Amino acid sequence: MATVFFKNRTERQRTRMKSLIQDIRQHENEADVLERELKQKIFQEIKDALSVFHLVRLVEIVGNIADHAQNASDRMRAMIAR
C-alpha cells in the first residue's frame, strides 16, 4: 500500500493510508489494554515464579511488537503529511 502511494500519490491512496494508520493506532491502544489485563491475570492465577516470569515476558514482547507497528505508522504519517 505504501509503495503504491509513493509511486502515484493520489488523494484516494493518501486517504486510505491515513485510515490504515488510524487503525494501527487503535489496535495498539487495544494491545496496551490487553497487555495490562493479561499481566494482572498472570499474577493472580499462576503460582510458579518461573512461569510468571516467562508469561509476563511473552506478553511484553507482543506489546513491543504493537508499539513498533505504531511507531512505523507514525513515521508513515509524517511522510504522507503535506
PDB file of N, CA and C in Angstrom:
ATOM      1  N   MET A   1       0.823  -1.185   0.000  1.00  0.00           N
ATOM      2  CA  MET A   1       0.000   0.000   0.000  1.00  0.00           C
ATOM      3  C   MET A   1       0.872   1.255   0.000  1.00  0.00           C
ATOM      4  N   ALA A   2       1.894   1.288   0.830  1.00  0.00           N
ATOM      5  CA  ALA A   2       2.745   2.473   0.913  1.00  0.00           C
ATOM      6  C   ALA A   2       3.507   2.692  -0.385  1.00  0.00           C
ATOM      7  N   THR A   3       4.008   1.621  -1.000  1.00  0.00           N
ATOM      8  CA  THR A   3       4.756   1.792  -2.244  1.00  0.00           C
ATOM      9  C   THR A   3       3.858   2.317  -3.349  1.00  0.00           C
ATOM     10  N   VAL A   4       2.608   1.888  -3.365  1.00  0.00           N
ATOM     11  CA  VAL A   4       1.662   2.398  -4.368  1.00  0.00           C
ATOM     12  C   VAL A   4       1.442   3.886  -4.147  1.00  0.00           C
ATOM     13  N   PHE A   5       1.290   4.289  -2.890  1.00  0.00           N
ATOM     14  CA  PHE A   5       1.090   5.708  -2.607  1.00  0.00           C
ATOM     15  C   PHE A   5       2.274   6.538  -3.080  1.00  0.00           C
ATOM     16  N   PHE A   6       3.497   6.094  -2.776  1.00  0.00           N
ATOM     17  CA  PHE A   6       4.662   6.889  -3.132  1.00  0.00           C
ATOM     18  C   PHE A   6       4.928   6.900  -4.631  1.00  0.00           C
ATOM     19  N   LYS A   7       4.427   5.910  -5.363  1.00  0.00           N
ATOM     20  CA  LYS A   7       4.567   5.930  -6.819  1.00  0.00           C
ATOM     21  C   LYS A   7       3.568   6.885  -7.455  1.00  0.00           C
ATOM     22  N   ASN A   8       2.313   6.837  -7.000  1.00  0.00           N
ATOM     23  CA  ASN A   8       1.246   7.587  -7.662  1.00  0.00           C
ATOM     24  C   ASN A   8       0.811   8.840  -6.915  1.00  0.00           C
ATOM     25  N   ARG A   9       0.844   8.813  -5.614  1.00  0.00           N
ATOM     26  CA  ARG A   9       0.481   9.939  -4.755  1.00  0.00           C
ATOM     27  C   ARG A   9      -0.903  10.511  -5.046  1.00  0.00           C
ATOM     28  N   THR A  10      -1.889   9.651  -5.163  1.00  0.00           N
ATOM     29  CA  THR A  10      -3.249  10.140  -5.365  1.00  0.00           C
ATOM     30  C   THR A  10      -3.883  10.436  -4.009  1.00  0.00           C
ATOM     31  N   GLU A  11      -4.851  11.323  -4.021  1.00  0.00           N
ATOM     32  CA  GLU A  11      -5.534  11.698  -2.781  1.00  0.00           C
ATOM     33  C   GLU A  11      -6.299  10.512  -2.195  1.00  0.00           C
ATOM     34  N   ARG A  12      -6.851   9.675  -3.062  1.00  0.00           N
ATOM     35  CA  ARG A  12      -7.576   8.488  -2.599  1.00  0.00           C
ATOM     36  C   ARG A  12      -6.641   7.558  -1.834  1.00  0.00           C
ATOM     37  N   GLN A  13      -5.439   7.353  -2.361  1.00  0.00           N
ATOM     38  CA  GLN A  13      -4.470   6.486  -1.687  1.00  0.00           C
ATOM     39  C   GLN A  13      -3.985   7.121  -0.385  1.00  0.00           C
ATOM     40  N   ARG A  14      -3.824   8.425  -0.398  1.00  0.00           N
ATOM     41  CA  ARG A  14      -3.398   9.135   0.814  1.00  0.00           C
ATOM     42  C   ARG A  14      -4.452   8.980   1.913  1.00  0.00           C
ATOM     43  N   THR A  15      -5.707   9.123   1.537  1.00  0.00           N
ATOM     44  CA  THR A  15      -6.797   8.955   2.494  1.00  0.00           C
ATOM     45  C   THR A  15      -6.826   7.535   3.040  1.00  0.00           C
ATOM     46  N   ARG A  16      -6.608   6.566   2.166  1.00  0.00           N
ATOM     47  CA  ARG A  16      -6.583   5.158   2.588  1.00  0.00           C
ATOM     48  C   ARG A  16      -5.431   4.909   3.565  1.00  0.00           C
ATOM     49  N   MET A  17      -4.268   5.469   3.281  1.00  0.00           N
ATOM     50  CA  MET A  17      -3.115   5.316   4.174  1.00  0.00           C
ATOM     51  C   MET A  17      -3.410   5.931   5.543  1.00  0.00           C
ATOM     52  N   LYS A  18      -4.030   7.107   5.550  1.00  0.00           N
ATOM     53  CA  LYS A  18      -4.366   7.753   6.813  1.00  0.00           C
ATOM     54  C   LYS A  18      -5.336   6.897   7.621  1.00  0.00           C
ATOM     55  N   SER A  19      -6.267   6.258   6.928  1.00  0.00           N
ATOM     56  CA  SER A  19      -7.220   5.374   7.596  1.00  0.00           C
ATOM     57  C   SER A  19      -6.504   4.164   8.202  1.00  0.00           C
ATOM     58  N   LEU A  20      -5.583   3.581   7.450  1.00  0.00           N
ATOM     59  CA  LEU A  20      -4.816   2.438   7.958  1.00  0.00           C
ATOM     60  C   LEU A  20      -3.968   2.832   9.163  1.00  0.00           C
ATOM     61  N   ILE A  21      -3.381   4.005   9.112  1.00  0.00           N
ATOM     62  CA  ILE A  21      -2.568   4.497  10.222  1.00  0.00           C
ATOM     63  C   ILE A  21      -3.431   4.665  11.471  1.00  0.00           C
ATOM     64  N   GLN A  22      -4.633   5.192  11.294  1.00  0.00           N
ATOM     65  CA  GLN A  22      -5.550   5.340  12.428  1.00  0.00           C
ATOM     66  C   GLN A  22      -5.943   3.977  12.993  1.00  0.00           C
ATOM     67  N   ASP A  23      -6.168   3.004  12.106  1.00  0.00           N
ATOM     68  CA  ASP A  23      -6.492   1.642  12.553  1.00  0.00           C
ATOM     69  C   ASP A  23      -5.349   1.055  13.382  1.00  0.00           C
ATOM     70  N   ILE A  24      -4.122   1.267  12.934  1.00  0.00           N
ATOM     71  CA  ILE A  24      -2.958   0.758  13.666  1.00  0.00           C
ATOM     72  C   ILE A  24      -2.893   1.385  15.054  1.00  0.00           C
ATOM     73  N   ARG A  25      -3.130   2.677  15.128  1.00  0.00           N
ATOM     74  CA  ARG A  25      -3.112   3.361  16.429  1.00  0.00           C
ATOM     75  C   ARG A  25      -4.173   2.768  17.365  1.00  0.00           C
ATOM     76  N   GLN A  26      -5.372   2.527  16.827  1.00  0.00           N
ATOM     77  CA  GLN A  26      -6.450   1.949  17.635  1.00  0.00           C
ATOM     78  C   GLN A  26      -6.078   0.548  18.124  1.00  0.00           C
ATOM     79  N   HIS A  27      -5.526  -0.264  17.225  1.00  0.00           N
ATOM     80  CA  HIS A  27      -5.136  -1.620  17.602  1.00  0.00           C
ATOM     81  C   HIS A  27      -4.012  -1.610  18.639  1.00  0.00           C
ATOM     82  N   GLU A  28      -3.113  -0.657  18.541  1.00  0.00           N
ATOM     83  CA  GLU A  28      -2.024  -0.568  19.514  1.00  0.00           C
ATOM     84  C   GLU A  28      -2.577  -0.211  20.888  1.00  0.00           C
ATOM     85  N   ASN A  29      -3.546   0.683  20.921  1.00  0.00           N
ATOM     86  CA  ASN A  29      -4.172   1.032  22.199  1.00  0.00           C
ATOM     87  C   ASN A  29      -4.886  -0.174  22.803  1.00  0.00           C
ATOM     88  N   GLU A  30      -5.561  -0.946  21.965  1.00  0.00           N
ATOM     89  CA  GLU A  30      -6.215  -2.167  22.436  1.00  0.00           C
ATOM     90  C   GLU A  30      -5.178  -3.172  22.954  1.00  0.00           C
ATOM     91  N   ALA A  31      -4.046  -3.253  22.280  1.00  0.00           N
ATOM     92  CA  ALA A  31      -2.980  -4.158  22.716  1.00  0.00           C
ATOM     93  C   ALA A  31      -2.450  -3.739  24.084  1.00  0.00           C
ATOM     94  N   ASP A  32      -2.347  -2.433  24.331  1.00  0.00           N
ATOM     95  CA  ASP A  32      -1.897  -1.949  25.640  1.00  0.00           C
ATOM     96  C   ASP A  32      -2.866  -2.376  26.745  1.00  0.00           C
ATOM     97  N   VAL A  33      -4.158  -2.257  26.470  1.00  0.00           N
ATOM     98  CA  VAL A  33      -5.166  -2.657  27.457  1.00  0.00           C
ATOM     99  C   VAL A  33      -5.072  -4.157  27.719  1.00  0.00           C
ATOM    100  N   LEU A  34      -4.979  -4.938  26.644  1.00  0.00           N
ATOM    101  CA  LEU A  34      -4.866  -6.388  26.798  1.00  0.00           C
ATOM    102  C   LEU A  34      -3.598  -6.777  27.551  1.00  0.00           C
ATOM    103  N   GLU A  35      -2.517  -6.071  27.288  1.00  0.00           N
ATOM    104  CA  GLU A  35      -1.257  -6.361  27.983  1.00  0.00           C
ATOM    105  C   GLU A  35      -1.428  -6.185  29.489  1.00  0.00           C
ATOM    106  N   ARG A  36      -2.039  -5.078  29.892  1.00  0.00           N
ATOM    107  CA  ARG A  36      -2.263  -4.848  31.325  1.00  0.00           C
ATOM    108  C   ARG A  36      -3.159  -5.928  31.931  1.00  0.00           C
ATOM    109  N   GLU A  37      -4.235  -6.265  31.211  1.00  0.00           N
ATOM    110  CA  GLU A  37      -5.167  -7.277  31.719  1.00  0.00           C
ATOM    111  C   GLU A  37      -4.497  -8.648  31.828  1.00  0.00           C
ATOM    112  N   LEU A  38      -3.721  -9.014  30.818  1.00  0.00           N
ATOM    113  CA  LEU A  38      -3.045 -10.311  30.851  1.00  0.00           C
ATOM    114  C   LEU A  38      -2.031 -10.392  31.983  1.00  0.00           C
ATOM    115  N   LYS A  39      -1.263  -9.343  32.170  1.00  0.00           N
ATOM    116  CA  LYS A  39      -0.290  -9.340  33.267  1.00  0.00           C
ATOM    117  C   LYS A  39      -0.997  -9.503  34.611  1.00  0.00           C
ATOM    118  N   GLN A  40      -2.100  -8.808  34.767  1.00  0.00           N
ATOM    119  CA  GLN A  40      -2.857  -8.908  36.011  1.00  0.00           C
ATOM    120  C   GLN A  40      -3.343 -10.339  36.239  1.00  0.00           C
ATOM    121  N   LYS A  41      -3.880 -10.963  35.192  1.00  0.00           N
ATOM    122  CA  LYS A  41      -4.364 -12.344  35.312  1.00  0.00           C
ATOM    123  C   LYS A  41      -3.225 -13.320  35.587  1.00  0.00           C
ATOM    124  N   ILE A  42      -2.097 -13.096  34.947  1.00  0.00           N
ATOM    125  CA  ILE A  42      -0.943 -13.977  35.168  1.00  0.00           C
ATOM    126  C   ILE A  42      -0.549 -13.954  36.638  1.00  0.00           C
ATOM    127  N   PHE A  43      -0.433 -12.750  37.204  1.00  0.00           N
ATOM    128  CA  PHE A  43      -0.021 -12.647  38.605  1.00  0.00           C
ATOM    129  C   PHE A  43      -1.073 -13.210  39.555  1.00  0.00           C
ATOM    130  N   GLN A  44      -2.337 -13.134  39.171  1.00  0.00           N
ATOM    131  CA  GLN A  44      -3.402 -13.647  40.037  1.00  0.00           C
ATOM    132  C   GLN A  44      -3.513 -15.166  39.988  1.00  0.00           C
ATOM    133  N   GLU A  45      -3.293 -15.757  38.820  1.00  0.00           N
ATOM    134  CA  GLU A  45      -3.631 -17.162  38.633  1.00  0.00           C
ATOM    135  C   GLU A  45      -2.444 -18.121  38.580  1.00  0.00           C
ATOM    136  N   ILE A  46      -1.272 -17.636  38.228  1.00  0.00           N
ATOM    137  CA  ILE A  46      -0.110 -18.517  38.096  1.00  0.00           C
ATOM    138  C   ILE A  46       0.718 -18.431  39.376  1.00  0.00           C
ATOM    139  N   LYS A  47       1.040 -19.576  39.918  1.00  0.00           N
ATOM    140  CA  LYS A  47       1.785 -19.617  41.192  1.00  0.00           C
ATOM    141  C   LYS A  47       3.283 -19.856  41.003  1.00  0.00           C
ATOM    142  N   ASP A  48       3.648 -20.523  39.929  1.00  0.00           N
ATOM    143  CA  ASP A  48       5.056 -20.838  39.677  1.00  0.00           C
ATOM    144  C   ASP A  48       5.788 -19.583  39.198  1.00  0.00           C
ATOM    145  N   ALA A  49       6.821 -19.176  39.922  1.00  0.00           N
ATOM    146  CA  ALA A  49       7.536 -17.933  39.623  1.00  0.00           C
ATOM    147  C   ALA A  49       8.153 -17.935  38.227  1.00  0.00           C
ATOM    148  N   LEU A  50       8.723 -19.056  37.830  1.00  0.00           N
ATOM    149  CA  LEU A  50       9.352 -19.120  36.515  1.00  0.00           C
ATOM    150  C   LEU A  50       8.311 -18.982  35.402  1.00  0.00           C
ATOM    151  N   SER A  51       7.172 -19.598  35.580  1.00  0.00           N
ATOM    152  CA  SER A  51       6.089 -19.472  34.601  1.00  0.00           C
ATOM    153  C   SER A  51       5.591 -18.034  34.531  1.00  0.00           C
ATOM    154  N   VAL A  52       5.466 -17.399  35.684  1.00  0.00           N
ATOM    155  CA  VAL A  52       5.047 -15.993  35.713  1.00  0.00           C
ATOM    156  C   VAL A  52       6.037 -15.150  34.931  1.00  0.00           C
ATOM    157  N   PHE A  53       7.313 -15.353  35.193  1.00  0.00           N
ATOM    158  CA  PHE A  53       8.345 -14.581  34.502  1.00  0.00           C
ATOM    159  C   PHE A  53       8.238 -14.741  32.990  1.00  0.00           C
ATOM    160  N   HIS A  54       8.161 -15.987  32.525  1.00  0.00           N
ATOM    161  CA  HIS A  54       8.136 -16.235  31.082  1.00  0.00           C
ATOM    162  C   HIS A  54       6.853 -15.717  30.435  1.00  0.00           C
ATOM    163  N   LEU A  55       5.734 -15.889  31.088  1.00  0.00           N
ATOM    164  CA  LEU A  55       4.475 -15.405  30.520  1.00  0.00           C
ATOM    165  C   LEU A  55       4.433 -13.881  30.468  1.00  0.00           C
ATOM    166  N   VAL A  56       4.887 -13.235  31.531  1.00  0.00           N
ATOM    167  CA  VAL A  56       4.921 -11.770  31.535  1.00  0.00           C
ATOM    168  C   VAL A  56       5.865 -11.271  30.452  1.00  0.00           C
ATOM    169  N   ARG A  57       7.001 -11.917  30.326  1.00  0.00           N
ATOM    170  CA  ARG A  57       7.964 -11.511  29.287  1.00  0.00           C
ATOM    171  C   ARG A  57       7.367 -11.685  27.897  1.00  0.00           C
ATOM    172  N   LEU A  58       6.652 -12.776  27.663  1.00  0.00           N
ATOM    173  CA  LEU A  58       5.997 -13.008  26.375  1.00  0.00           C
ATOM    174  C   LEU A  58       4.973 -11.916  26.079  1.00  0.00           C
ATOM    175  N   VAL A  59       4.178 -11.565  27.071  1.00  0.00           N
ATOM    176  CA  VAL A  59       3.178 -10.505  26.898  1.00  0.00           C
ATOM    177  C   VAL A  59       3.868  -9.181  26.582  1.00  0.00           C
ATOM    178  N   GLU A  60       4.978  -8.903  27.240  1.00  0.00           N
ATOM    179  CA  GLU A  60       5.723  -7.666  26.977  1.00  0.00           C
ATOM    180  C   GLU A  60       6.291  -7.643  25.566  1.00  0.00           C
ATOM    181  N   ILE A  61       6.783  -8.769  25.090  1.00  0.00           N
ATOM    182  CA  ILE A  61       7.334  -8.841  23.730  1.00  0.00           C
ATOM    183  C   ILE A  61       6.245  -8.573  22.701  1.00  0.00           C
ATOM    184  N   VAL A  62       5.086  -9.183  22.886  1.00  0.00           N
ATOM    185  CA  VAL A  62       3.977  -8.941  21.959  1.00  0.00           C
ATOM    186  C   VAL A  62       3.554  -7.474  22.022  1.00  0.00           C
ATOM    187  N   GLY A  63       3.542  -6.901  23.222  1.00  0.00           N
ATOM    188  CA  GLY A  63       3.231  -5.478  23.365  1.00  0.00           C
ATOM    189  C   GLY A  63       4.240  -4.601  22.648  1.00  0.00           C
ATOM    190  N   ASN A  64       5.508  -4.993  22.700  1.00  0.00           N
ATOM    191  CA  ASN A  64       6.549  -4.235  21.992  1.00  0.00           C
ATOM    192  C   ASN A  64       6.350  -4.284  20.481  1.00  0.00           C
ATOM    193  N   ILE A  65       5.882  -5.410  19.978  1.00  0.00           N
ATOM    194  CA  ILE A  65       5.597  -5.516  18.543  1.00  0.00           C
ATOM    195  C   ILE A  65       4.527  -4.499  18.162  1.00  0.00           C
ATOM    196  N   ALA A  66       3.482  -4.410  18.966  1.00  0.00           N
ATOM    197  CA  ALA A  66       2.416  -3.436  18.704  1.00  0.00           C
ATOM    198  C   ALA A  66       2.960  -2.009  18.775  1.00  0.00           C
ATOM    199  N   ASP A  67       3.834  -1.738  19.742  1.00  0.00           N
ATOM    200  CA  ASP A  67       4.441  -0.409  19.860  1.00  0.00           C
ATOM    201  C   ASP A  67       5.261  -0.065  18.621  1.00  0.00           C
ATOM    202  N   HIS A  68       6.028  -1.022  18.134  1.00  0.00           N
ATOM    203  CA  HIS A  68       6.850  -0.779  16.944  1.00  0.00           C
ATOM    204  C   HIS A  68       5.982  -0.553  15.706  1.00  0.00           C
ATOM    205  N   ALA A  69       4.873  -1.264  15.612  1.00  0.00           N
ATOM    206  CA  ALA A  69       3.954  -1.051  14.491  1.00  0.00           C
ATOM    207  C   ALA A  69       3.402   0.371  14.532  1.00  0.00           C
ATOM    208  N   GLN A  70       3.064   0.847  15.715  1.00  0.00           N
ATOM    209  CA  GLN A  70       2.567   2.216  15.820  1.00  0.00           C
ATOM    210  C   GLN A  70       3.668   3.220  15.486  1.00  0.00           C
ATOM    211  N   ASN A  71       4.889   2.973  15.935  1.00  0.00           N
ATOM    212  CA  ASN A  71       5.997   3.868  15.598  1.00  0.00           C
ATOM    213  C   ASN A  71       6.197   3.947  14.088  1.00  0.00           C
ATOM    214  N   ALA A  72       6.130   2.798  13.421  1.00  0.00           N
ATOM    215  CA  ALA A  72       6.283   2.780  11.964  1.00  0.00           C
ATOM    216  C   ALA A  72       5.145   3.543  11.297  1.00  0.00           C
ATOM    217  N   SER A  73       3.935   3.387  11.810  1.00  0.00           N
ATOM    218  CA  SER A  73       2.806   4.098  11.205  1.00  0.00           C
ATOM    219  C   SER A  73       2.918   5.602  11.445  1.00  0.00           C
ATOM    220  N   ASP A  74       3.461   6.005  12.590  1.00  0.00           N
ATOM    221  CA  ASP A  74       3.681   7.432  12.844  1.00  0.00           C
ATOM    222  C   ASP A  74       4.684   8.011  11.851  1.00  0.00           C
ATOM    223  N   ARG A  75       5.704   7.249  11.538  1.00  0.00           N
ATOM    224  CA  ARG A  75       6.678   7.711  10.537  1.00  0.00           C
ATOM    225  C   ARG A  75       6.038   7.810   9.158  1.00  0.00           C
ATOM    226  N   MET A  76       5.184   6.843   8.845  1.00  0.00           N
ATOM    227  CA  MET A  76       4.485   6.882   7.561  1.00  0.00           C
ATOM    228  C   MET A  76       3.576   8.109   7.502  1.00  0.00           C
ATOM    229  N   ARG A  77       2.911   8.405   8.607  1.00  0.00           N
ATOM    230  CA  ARG A  77       2.033   9.577   8.654  1.00  0.00           C
ATOM    231  C   ARG A  77       2.835  10.847   8.380  1.00  0.00           C
ATOM    232  N   ALA A  78       4.026  10.931   8.945  1.00  0.00           N
ATOM    233  CA  ALA A  78       4.879  12.097   8.699  1.00  0.00           C
ATOM    234  C   ALA A  78       5.298  12.166   7.235  1.00  0.00           C
ATOM    235  N   MET A  79       5.519  11.019   6.612  1.00  0.00           N
ATOM    236  CA  MET A  79       5.937  11.001   5.209  1.00  0.00           C
ATOM    237  C   MET A  79       4.824  11.446   4.268  1.00  0.00           C
ATOM    238  N   ILE A  80       3.567  11.128   4.619  1.00  0.00           N
ATOM    239  CA  ILE A  80       2.480  11.485   3.707  1.00  0.00           C
ATOM    240  C   ILE A  80       1.865  12.835   4.039  1.00  0.00           C
ATOM    241  N   ALA A  81       2.308  13.461   5.138  1.00  0.00           N
ATOM    242  CA  ALA A  81       1.771  14.771   5.515  1.00  0.00           C
ATOM    243  C   ALA A  81       2.153  15.800   4.460  1.00  0.00           C
ATOM    244  N   ARG A  82       1.277  16.751   4.325  1.00  0.00           N
ATOM    245  CA  ARG A  82       1.556  17.816   3.349  1.00  0.00           C
ATOM    246  C   ARG A  82       1.865  19.101   4.051  1.00  0.00           C
TER     247      ARG A  82
END
